Each structure stands twice: as structure tokens, then as C-alpha cells.
Amino acid sequence: MKILVCVKRVVDHTMHIRVKADGSGVDTANMKTVMNPFDEIAVEEAVRWKEKGLASEVVVLSIGPKQSVDTIYAGLAMGADRGIHLNVDSLPDPPGAAAAIRAVVNEEQPQAVFLGKQAVDDDCCQTGQMLAALLGWGQGTFASAIIKEGEALKVTREIDGGREVVLLPLPAVVTVDLPLNEPRYASLPSIMKARKKPVRIIAPELSAERRLEVLKVAEPPRRKPGKRVGSAAELIACLENETEALS
């Protein structure tokens, strides 16, 4: 069983994000980039399947500029076998990304595609669902558990108010959520070995049409400083008159 894992290069979510002065996007200059945390969980799950003998090969795929190769190597250091880099100057929107991944799926013929449920930079949460629709495959989103049962996947989904279990015939697309696993830290020898693993670089012909247009990016309003009160009566007065919390 071959598993294709899609990973995205994003700005480290622990850093202070700066918005460009013209509001056109996030300023990424001199910002540390990492693998999208949800995609890291997807890689970890695929590698665990290989270690258990449930998967024969794990292939990591990333779309983006040449720096995205570092994200692929991070997945290879975790235990993936090889990488595929779709080298593009600007990131496509979710429909474009799904179409590009579909072309790779048609060529590679994996039995399963794992993705993070969303990317922490745009939070679109769309690519996995769109990919499943383009392929005509079953999909299990927000997965907190994935079990292989014969030629199907039993996926436990995180939903509002609880969990849902779905049975997906293979091939299938699964987007993973935080409770699924705890990604490993790659050891130094694994990082060194990853550089010797094959990474195929492709210059895809992506559609110039974009269905998603970003009008403006702005920082959230700054929080007002706190205030000390001397009594419960003063607290209630503040809630009524200053915050309108009790109105």
C-alpha cells in the first residue's frame, strides 16, 4: 500500500506575524518557516503505518517555491521514502492545489492520500475535500483515528458534539486532526540520511485562474489594557457601562 502525504511550508505559528503595510498579505521576510503542523501529523501517521507493515511506501508531496524542498526533507527525516516537489513561484488557491495533487495521484497511483485538515497560514480547510471530489474517492475529514480493515479505512472523525465513524473503501483521502498522534522529532542521523533520499522536482502547468481573492489582510484590534476594581459593585458598574456585557 502506497501512501501519498501532502505537506505545506508555512510561517512558524510560534512567531509574531507581521502584516504588510499595504495589507496585501503577511510579511514573510526573515520569518522562520516549518512544515504545517497538521501535515506533520499526517506524515507521522503514514510512517507509523509503514513501520507496522501496513504501508509499503510513503511519498511526501509539496507545492511551492524552491524553499519547499526543505519541508519535503523534513518529512523524509521523519521516515518517508521519497519526495515530490511541484516547483511554483506562487502558491495556488485550494482548487488549484487540489488539481495539481490530482495529477500526481493519477501518476503515482497511491491507495491513500493523507493531508492535514487545514494549513495554519490560510485556514482554508478545503484542499482535501476538493481533492476527494476531483478523484471521485471517499473522504474522511478531521480524523482522530485511522484503522485499516481489509480494503477499507475505518476513520473516526472529530465533529461538533462528539465523534463519527465512517468506513471508506480504498482508495481514499483522509485529512487528519490533532488527536491522531504526536509527531516525532527527527534525529540528527535521520536528518542526514534524508538528504540522500530521492526528491523529484516537477514544474507543473497550473491554471492561472484563481477562485479565491484576498481583498485585505489586517491585524486584529489591539486589546485594551486591564483595570483593577476595588469592589464587586465597581466591577458590575464597569461591566454595565464600559463593556456592555450585562446590557
C-alpha atoms as a PDB file:
ATOM      1  CA  MET A   1       0.000   0.000   0.000  1.00  0.00           C
ATOM      2  CA  LYS A   2       1.428   3.344  -1.083  1.00  0.00           C
ATOM      3  CA  ILE A   3       0.512   6.474   0.896  1.00  0.00           C
ATOM      4  CA  LEU A   4       0.921   9.958  -0.549  1.00  0.00           C
ATOM      5  CA  VAL A   5       1.216  12.688   2.099  1.00  0.00           C
ATOM      6  CA  CYS A   6       0.744  16.338   1.148  1.00  0.00           C
ATOM      7  CA  VAL A   7       2.739  18.874   3.155  1.00  0.00           C
ATOM      8  CA  LYS A   8       2.846  22.670   3.062  1.00  0.00           C
ATOM      9  CA  ARG A   9       5.575  25.135   4.004  1.00  0.00           C
ATOM     10  CA  VAL A  10       4.162  27.774   6.379  1.00  0.00           C
ATOM     11  CA  VAL A  11       5.438  30.504   8.682  1.00  0.00           C
ATOM     12  CA  ASP A  12       6.185  29.133  12.143  1.00  0.00           C
ATOM     13  CA  HIS A  13       2.996  29.690  14.153  1.00  0.00           C
ATOM     14  CA  THR A  14       5.016  30.470  17.285  1.00  0.00           C
ATOM     15  CA  MET A  15       6.440  33.639  15.715  1.00  0.00           C
ATOM     16  CA  HIS A  16       4.879  37.091  15.792  1.00  0.00           C
ATOM     17  CA  ILE A  17       3.163  37.521  12.437  1.00  0.00           C
ATOM     18  CA  ARG A  18       3.573  40.868  10.700  1.00  0.00           C
ATOM     19  CA  VAL A  19       1.127  42.208   8.116  1.00  0.00           C
ATOM     20  CA  LYS A  20       2.469  44.084   5.086  1.00  0.00           C
ATOM     21  CA  ALA A  21       1.960  47.833   5.151  1.00  0.00           C
ATOM     22  CA  ASP A  22      -0.302  47.727   2.101  1.00  0.00           C
ATOM     23  CA  GLY A  23      -2.494  44.991   3.621  1.00  0.00           C
ATOM     24  CA  SER A  24      -1.827  42.621   0.721  1.00  0.00           C
ATOM     25  CA  GLY A  25      -0.665  39.735   2.913  1.00  0.00           C
ATOM     26  CA  VAL A  26       1.701  38.554   5.609  1.00  0.00           C
ATOM     27  CA  ASP A  27       5.301  39.745   5.614  1.00  0.00           C
ATOM     28  CA  THR A  28       7.414  36.577   5.379  1.00  0.00           C
ATOM     29  CA  ALA A  29      10.809  38.305   5.160  1.00  0.00           C
ATOM     30  CA  ASN A  30      13.232  36.888   7.741  1.00  0.00           C
ATOM     31  CA  MET A  31      10.463  34.683   9.147  1.00  0.00           C
ATOM     32  CA  LYS A  32      11.140  31.073  10.150  1.00  0.00           C
ATOM     33  CA  THR A  33       9.176  28.534   8.117  1.00  0.00           C
ATOM     34  CA  VAL A  34       8.197  24.994   9.107  1.00  0.00           C
ATOM     35  CA  MET A  35       6.026  22.144   7.939  1.00  0.00           C
ATOM     36  CA  ASN A  36       2.359  22.832   8.575  1.00  0.00           C
ATOM     37  CA  PRO A  37       1.698  21.205  11.999  1.00  0.00           C
ATOM     38  CA  PHE A  38      -1.354  19.262  10.795  1.00  0.00           C
ATOM     39  CA  ASP A  39       0.627  17.922   7.821  1.00  0.00           C
ATOM     40  CA  GLU A  40       3.330  16.827  10.250  1.00  0.00           C
ATOM     41  CA  ILE A  41       0.707  14.647  11.963  1.00  0.00           C
ATOM     42  CA  ALA A  42      -0.217  13.182   8.571  1.00  0.00           C
ATOM     43  CA  VAL A  43       3.423  12.275   7.868  1.00  0.00           C
ATOM     44  CA  GLU A  44       3.784  10.713  11.308  1.00  0.00           C
ATOM     45  CA  GLU A  45       0.701   8.550  10.781  1.00  0.00           C
ATOM     46  CA  ALA A  46       1.880   7.347   7.368  1.00  0.00           C
ATOM     47  CA  VAL A  47       5.341   6.497   8.733  1.00  0.00           C
ATOM     48  CA  ARG A  48       3.777   4.575  11.623  1.00  0.00           C
ATOM     49  CA  TRP A  49       1.742   2.576   9.130  1.00  0.00           C
ATOM     50  CA  LYS A  50       4.919   1.685   7.262  1.00  0.00           C
ATOM     51  CA  GLU A  51       6.641   0.670  10.494  1.00  0.00           C
ATOM     52  CA  LYS A  52       3.683  -1.624  11.266  1.00  0.00           C
ATOM     53  CA  GLY A  53       3.839  -3.182   7.799  1.00  0.00           C
ATOM     54  CA  LEU A  54       0.537  -1.613   6.724  1.00  0.00           C
ATOM     55  CA  ALA A  55       2.198   0.570   4.066  1.00  0.00           C
ATOM     56  CA  SER A  56       4.973  -0.303   1.657  1.00  0.00           C
ATOM     57  CA  GLU A  57       5.954   3.241   0.668  1.00  0.00           C
ATOM     58  CA  VAL A  58       5.392   6.786   1.929  1.00  0.00           C
ATOM     59  CA  VAL A  59       5.753   9.611  -0.589  1.00  0.00           C
ATOM     60  CA  VAL A  60       5.790  13.259   0.518  1.00  0.00           C
ATOM     61  CA  LEU A  61       4.445  15.914  -1.868  1.00  0.00           C
ATOM     62  CA  SER A  62       4.744  19.690  -1.546  1.00  0.00           C
ATOM     63  CA  ILE A  63       3.697  22.598  -3.763  1.00  0.00           C
ATOM     64  CA  GLY A  64       5.582  25.875  -3.575  1.00  0.00           C
ATOM     65  CA  PRO A  65       8.825  27.708  -4.353  1.00  0.00           C
ATOM     66  CA  LYS A  66      12.251  26.083  -4.191  1.00  0.00           C
ATOM     67  CA  GLN A  67      12.382  26.541  -0.391  1.00  0.00           C
ATOM     68  CA  SER A  68       9.593  23.970  -0.106  1.00  0.00           C
ATOM     69  CA  VAL A  69      12.205  21.263  -0.696  1.00  0.00           C
ATOM     70  CA  ASP A  70      13.293  21.798   2.920  1.00  0.00           C
ATOM     71  CA  THR A  71       9.758  20.893   4.014  1.00  0.00           C
ATOM     72  CA  ILE A  72       9.974  17.706   1.978  1.00  0.00           C
ATOM     73  CA  TYR A  73      13.308  16.822   3.582  1.00  0.00           C
ATOM     74  CA  ALA A  74      11.693  17.311   6.989  1.00  0.00           C
ATOM     75  CA  GLY A  75       9.153  14.640   6.041  1.00  0.00           C
ATOM     76  CA  LEU A  76      11.901  12.363   4.740  1.00  0.00           C
ATOM     77  CA  ALA A  77      13.785  12.784   8.018  1.00  0.00           C
ATOM     78  CA  MET A  78      10.667  11.578   9.847  1.00  0.00           C
ATOM     79  CA  GLY A  79      10.770   8.357   7.820  1.00  0.00           C
ATOM     80  CA  ALA A  80       9.147   8.939   4.427  1.00  0.00           C
ATOM     81  CA  ASP A  81      10.813   7.218   1.471  1.00  0.00           C
ATOM     82  CA  ARG A  82      10.916   9.849  -1.253  1.00  0.00           C
ATOM     83  CA  GLY A  83       9.606  13.273  -2.147  1.00  0.00           C
ATOM     84  CA  ILE A  84       7.927  15.112  -4.998  1.00  0.00           C
ATOM     85  CA  HIS A  85       8.206  18.882  -5.318  1.00  0.00           C
ATOM     86  CA  LEU A  86       5.826  20.827  -7.556  1.00  0.00           C
ATOM     87  CA  ASN A  87       8.005  23.885  -8.079  1.00  0.00           C
ATOM     88  CA  VAL A  88       5.896  27.040  -8.499  1.00  0.00           C
ATOM     89  CA  ASP A  89       6.679  30.671  -7.695  1.00  0.00           C
ATOM     90  CA  SER A  90       3.335  31.461  -6.052  1.00  0.00           C
ATOM     91  CA  LEU A  91       1.047  29.157  -4.118  1.00  0.00           C
ATOM     92  CA  PRO A  92      -2.198  28.168  -5.839  1.00  0.00           C
ATOM     93  CA  ASP A  93      -5.577  28.545  -4.162  1.00  0.00           C
ATOM     94  CA  PRO A  94      -7.253  25.364  -2.811  1.00  0.00           C
ATOM     95  CA  PRO A  95      -8.915  24.397  -6.136  1.00  0.00           C
ATOM     96  CA  GLY A  96      -5.596  24.849  -7.932  1.00  0.00           C
ATOM     97  CA  ALA A  97      -3.722  22.868  -5.291  1.00  0.00           C
ATOM     98  CA  ALA A  98      -6.274  20.051  -5.440  1.00  0.00           C
ATOM     99  CA  ALA A  99      -5.984  19.895  -9.239  1.00  0.00           C
ATOM    100  CA  ALA A 100      -2.176  19.771  -9.045  1.00  0.00           C
ATOM    101  CA  ILE A 101      -2.275  16.994  -6.437  1.00  0.00           C
ATOM    102  CA  ARG A 102      -4.779  15.036  -8.545  1.00  0.00           C
ATOM    103  CA  ALA A 103      -2.298  14.988 -11.441  1.00  0.00           C
ATOM    104  CA  VAL A 104       0.348  13.479  -9.149  1.00  0.00           C
ATOM    105  CA  VAL A 105      -2.152  10.956  -7.748  1.00  0.00           C
ATOM    106  CA  ASN A 106      -3.072   9.836 -11.264  1.00  0.00           C
ATOM    107  CA  GLU A 107       0.605   9.226 -12.000  1.00  0.00           C
ATOM    108  CA  GLU A 108       1.672   7.709  -8.664  1.00  0.00           C
ATOM    109  CA  GLN A 109      -1.499   5.649  -8.063  1.00  0.00           C
ATOM    110  CA  PRO A 110      -1.377   5.638  -4.224  1.00  0.00           C
ATOM    111  CA  GLN A 111      -4.012   3.735  -2.280  1.00  0.00           C
ATOM    112  CA  ALA A 112      -4.450   6.590   0.213  1.00  0.00           C
ATOM    113  CA  VAL A 113      -3.734  10.308   0.428  1.00  0.00           C
ATOM    114  CA  PHE A 114      -3.152  11.864   3.859  1.00  0.00           C
ATOM    115  CA  LEU A 115      -3.286  15.625   4.456  1.00  0.00           C
ATOM    116  CA  GLY A 116      -3.538  17.926   7.421  1.00  0.00           C
ATOM    117  CA  LYS A 117      -7.109  19.088   7.991  1.00  0.00           C
ATOM    118  CA  GLN A 118      -6.012  22.683   7.291  1.00  0.00           C
ATOM    119  CA  ALA A 119      -2.973  24.903   6.893  1.00  0.00           C
ATOM    120  CA  VAL A 120      -2.259  27.331   9.709  1.00  0.00           C
ATOM    121  CA  ASP A 121      -1.454  30.185   7.323  1.00  0.00           C
ATOM    122  CA  ASP A 122      -4.793  30.498   5.498  1.00  0.00           C
ATOM    123  CA  ASP A 123      -7.030  28.105   7.495  1.00  0.00           C
ATOM    124  CA  CYS A 124      -8.984  27.326   4.318  1.00  0.00           C
ATOM    125  CA  CYS A 125      -9.632  23.667   5.231  1.00  0.00           C
ATOM    126  CA  GLN A 126     -10.640  22.888   1.639  1.00  0.00           C
ATOM    127  CA  THR A 127      -7.896  21.133  -0.321  1.00  0.00           C
ATOM    128  CA  GLY A 128      -8.501  17.597   0.967  1.00  0.00           C
ATOM    129  CA  GLN A 129     -12.225  17.768   0.317  1.00  0.00           C
ATOM    130  CA  MET A 130     -11.728  19.204  -3.161  1.00  0.00           C
ATOM    131  CA  LEU A 131      -9.117  16.560  -3.985  1.00  0.00           C
ATOM    132  CA  ALA A 132     -11.512  13.764  -2.985  1.00  0.00           C
ATOM    133  CA  ALA A 133     -14.218  15.288  -5.188  1.00  0.00           C
ATOM    134  CA  LEU A 134     -11.873  15.566  -8.187  1.00  0.00           C
ATOM    135  CA  LEU A 135     -10.694  11.956  -7.761  1.00  0.00           C
ATOM    136  CA  GLY A 136     -14.143  10.573  -7.009  1.00  0.00           C
ATOM    137  CA  TRP A 137     -12.743   8.924  -3.852  1.00  0.00           C
ATOM    138  CA  GLY A 138     -14.281   8.598  -0.435  1.00  0.00           C
ATOM    139  CA  GLN A 139     -13.084  11.074   2.163  1.00  0.00           C
ATOM    140  CA  GLY A 140     -12.657  11.087   5.923  1.00  0.00           C
ATOM    141  CA  THR A 141     -12.004  14.552   7.339  1.00  0.00           C
ATOM    142  CA  PHE A 142     -10.824  15.693  10.797  1.00  0.00           C
ATOM    143  CA  ALA A 143      -9.569  12.177  11.556  1.00  0.00           C
ATOM    144  CA  SER A 144      -8.616  11.347  15.146  1.00  0.00           C
ATOM    145  CA  ALA A 145      -8.113   7.616  14.406  1.00  0.00           C
ATOM    146  CA  ILE A 146      -7.465   5.628  11.228  1.00  0.00           C
ATOM    147  CA  ILE A 147      -7.650   1.833  11.159  1.00  0.00           C
ATOM    148  CA  LYS A 148      -7.131  -0.350   8.089  1.00  0.00           C
ATOM    149  CA  GLU A 149      -9.798  -3.035   7.773  1.00  0.00           C
ATOM    150  CA  GLY A 150      -9.159  -5.194   4.723  1.00  0.00           C
ATOM    151  CA  GLU A 151      -9.533  -2.992   1.661  1.00  0.00           C
ATOM    152  CA  ALA A 152     -11.123  -0.132   3.605  1.00  0.00           C
ATOM    153  CA  LEU A 153     -10.250   2.506   6.169  1.00  0.00           C
ATOM    154  CA  LYS A 154     -12.198   2.937   9.379  1.00  0.00           C
ATOM    155  CA  VAL A 155     -11.904   6.631  10.195  1.00  0.00           C
ATOM    156  CA  THR A 156     -13.021   8.265  13.432  1.00  0.00           C
ATOM    157  CA  ARG A 157     -13.913  11.909  12.790  1.00  0.00           C
ATOM    158  CA  GLU A 158     -13.972  14.820  15.206  1.00  0.00           C
ATOM    159  CA  ILE A 159     -17.341  16.556  14.767  1.00  0.00           C
ATOM    160  CA  ASP A 160     -19.389  19.115  16.690  1.00  0.00           C
ATOM    161  CA  GLY A 161     -20.751  17.439  19.776  1.00  0.00           C
ATOM    162  CA  GLY A 162     -18.790  14.197  19.538  1.00  0.00           C
ATOM    163  CA  ARG A 163     -17.262  11.749  17.082  1.00  0.00           C
ATOM    164  CA  GLU A 164     -18.384   9.961  13.951  1.00  0.00           C
ATOM    165  CA  VAL A 165     -17.017   6.716  12.489  1.00  0.00           C
ATOM    166  CA  VAL A 166     -17.019   6.195   8.716  1.00  0.00           C
ATOM    167  CA  LEU A 167     -15.852   3.234   6.632  1.00  0.00           C
ATOM    168  CA  LEU A 168     -14.100   4.238   3.411  1.00  0.00           C
ATOM    169  CA  PRO A 169     -13.287   1.795   0.611  1.00  0.00           C
ATOM    170  CA  LEU A 170      -9.777   2.242  -0.729  1.00  0.00           C
ATOM    171  CA  PRO A 171      -8.504   4.350  -2.381  1.00  0.00           C
ATOM    172  CA  ALA A 172      -9.465   7.235  -0.094  1.00  0.00           C
ATOM    173  CA  VAL A 173      -8.489  10.724   1.046  1.00  0.00           C
ATOM    174  CA  VAL A 174      -8.066  11.415   4.768  1.00  0.00           C
ATOM    175  CA  THR A 175      -7.424  14.775   6.457  1.00  0.00           C
ATOM    176  CA  VAL A 176      -6.042  14.456   9.979  1.00  0.00           C
ATOM    177  CA  ASP A 177      -6.696  16.312  13.226  1.00  0.00           C
ATOM    178  CA  LEU A 178      -4.620  16.954  16.357  1.00  0.00           C
ATOM    179  CA  PRO A 179      -5.733  13.945  18.478  1.00  0.00           C
ATOM    180  CA  LEU A 180      -4.445  11.433  15.897  1.00  0.00           C
ATOM    181  CA  ASN A 181      -0.838  11.258  17.139  1.00  0.00           C
ATOM    182  CA  GLU A 182       2.178  13.126  18.470  1.00  0.00           C
ATOM    183  CA  PRO A 183       4.755  13.696  15.688  1.00  0.00           C
ATOM    184  CA  ARG A 184       8.286  12.531  16.376  1.00  0.00           C
ATOM    185  CA  TYR A 185      11.377  14.713  16.455  1.00  0.00           C
ATOM    186  CA  ALA A 186      13.762  13.687  13.703  1.00  0.00           C
ATOM    187  CA  SER A 187      17.178  12.646  14.991  1.00  0.00           C
ATOM    188  CA  LEU A 188      20.370  14.115  13.539  1.00  0.00           C
ATOM    189  CA  PRO A 189      21.277  10.844  11.726  1.00  0.00           C
ATOM    190  CA  SER A 190      17.765  10.775  10.217  1.00  0.00           C
ATOM    191  CA  ILE A 191      18.163  14.362   9.031  1.00  0.00           C
ATOM    192  CA  MET A 192      21.487  13.496   7.395  1.00  0.00           C
ATOM    193  CA  LYS A 193      20.043  10.379   5.738  1.00  0.00           C
ATOM    194  CA  ALA A 194      17.074  12.363   4.431  1.00  0.00           C
ATOM    195  CA  ARG A 195      19.391  14.373   2.169  1.00  0.00           C
ATOM    196  CA  LYS A 196      20.275  11.170   0.326  1.00  0.00           C
ATOM    197  CA  LYS A 197      16.664  10.215  -0.367  1.00  0.00           C
ATOM    198  CA  PRO A 198      15.290  10.990  -3.841  1.00  0.00           C
ATOM    199  CA  VAL A 199      13.261  14.164  -4.404  1.00  0.00           C
ATOM    200  CA  ARG A 200      11.675  14.580  -7.807  1.00  0.00           C
ATOM    201  CA  ILE A 201      11.202  18.194  -8.917  1.00  0.00           C
ATOM    202  CA  ILE A 202       8.392  18.963 -11.346  1.00  0.00           C
ATOM    203  CA  ALA A 203       7.492  22.294 -12.953  1.00  0.00           C
ATOM    204  CA  PRO A 204       3.716  21.885 -13.293  1.00  0.00           C
ATOM    205  CA  GLU A 205       1.460  23.910 -15.567  1.00  0.00           C
ATOM    206  CA  LEU A 206      -1.045  25.335 -13.124  1.00  0.00           C
ATOM    207  CA  SER A 207      -4.167  27.145 -14.203  1.00  0.00           C
ATOM    208  CA  ALA A 208      -3.852  30.921 -13.959  1.00  0.00           C
ATOM    209  CA  GLU A 209      -7.479  31.160 -12.857  1.00  0.00           C
ATOM    210  CA  ARG A 210      -7.923  31.837  -9.151  1.00  0.00           C
ATOM    211  CA  ARG A 211     -11.286  31.391  -7.479  1.00  0.00           C
ATOM    212  CA  LEU A 212     -10.095  32.871  -4.194  1.00  0.00           C
ATOM    213  CA  GLU A 213      -9.246  36.559  -3.992  1.00  0.00           C
ATOM    214  CA  VAL A 214      -7.732  38.104  -0.870  1.00  0.00           C
ATOM    215  CA  LEU A 215      -9.073  41.631  -0.566  1.00  0.00           C
ATOM    216  CA  LYS A 216      -7.187  42.721   2.529  1.00  0.00           C
ATOM    217  CA  VAL A 217      -5.181  41.308   5.417  1.00  0.00           C
ATOM    218  CA  ALA A 218      -5.272  43.191   8.712  1.00  0.00           C
ATOM    219  CA  GLU A 219      -4.050  42.622  12.244  1.00  0.00           C
ATOM    220  CA  PRO A 220      -6.710  42.012  14.910  1.00  0.00           C
ATOM    221  CA  PRO A 221      -7.614  45.054  17.024  1.00  0.00           C
ATOM    222  CA  ARG A 222      -5.324  45.582  19.973  1.00  0.00           C
ATOM    223  CA  ARG A 223      -6.749  44.602  23.351  1.00  0.00           C
ATOM    224  CA  LYS A 224      -7.436  47.386  25.790  1.00  0.00           C
ATOM    225  CA  PRO A 225      -5.371  47.306  28.992  1.00  0.00           C
ATOM    226  CA  GLY A 226      -6.917  45.692  32.060  1.00  0.00           C
ATOM    227  CA  LYS A 227      -8.313  47.604  35.001  1.00  0.00           C
ATOM    228  CA  ARG A 228      -8.312  46.944  38.736  1.00  0.00           C
ATOM    229  CA  VAL A 229     -11.532  47.427  40.661  1.00  0.00           C
ATOM    230  CA  GLY A 230     -11.956  47.907  44.385  1.00  0.00           C
ATOM    231  CA  SER A 231     -15.249  46.124  44.922  1.00  0.00           C
ATOM    232  CA  ALA A 232     -17.884  43.882  43.395  1.00  0.00           C
ATOM    233  CA  ALA A 233     -20.144  46.892  42.913  1.00  0.00           C
ATOM    234  CA  GLU A 234     -17.463  48.678  40.907  1.00  0.00           C
ATOM    235  CA  LEU A 235     -16.926  45.533  38.815  1.00  0.00           C
ATOM    236  CA  ILE A 236     -20.641  45.342  37.977  1.00  0.00           C
ATOM    237  CA  ALA A 237     -20.657  49.032  37.096  1.00  0.00           C
ATOM    238  CA  CYS A 238     -17.738  48.513  34.708  1.00  0.00           C
ATOM    239  CA  LEU A 239     -19.413  45.543  33.072  1.00  0.00           C
ATOM    240  CA  GLU A 240     -22.609  47.518  32.589  1.00  0.00           C
ATOM    241  CA  ASN A 241     -21.186  50.860  31.486  1.00  0.00           C
ATOM    242  CA  GLU A 242     -17.827  50.135  29.826  1.00  0.00           C
ATOM    243  CA  THR A 243     -18.127  46.703  28.265  1.00  0.00           C
ATOM    244  CA  GLU A 244     -21.906  46.430  27.906  1.00  0.00           C
ATOM    245  CA  ALA A 245     -21.514  42.795  28.968  1.00  0.00           C
ATOM    246  CA  LEU A 246     -24.648  42.970  31.127  1.00  0.00           C
ATOM    247  CA  SER A 247     -26.774  45.024  28.748  1.00  0.00           C
END
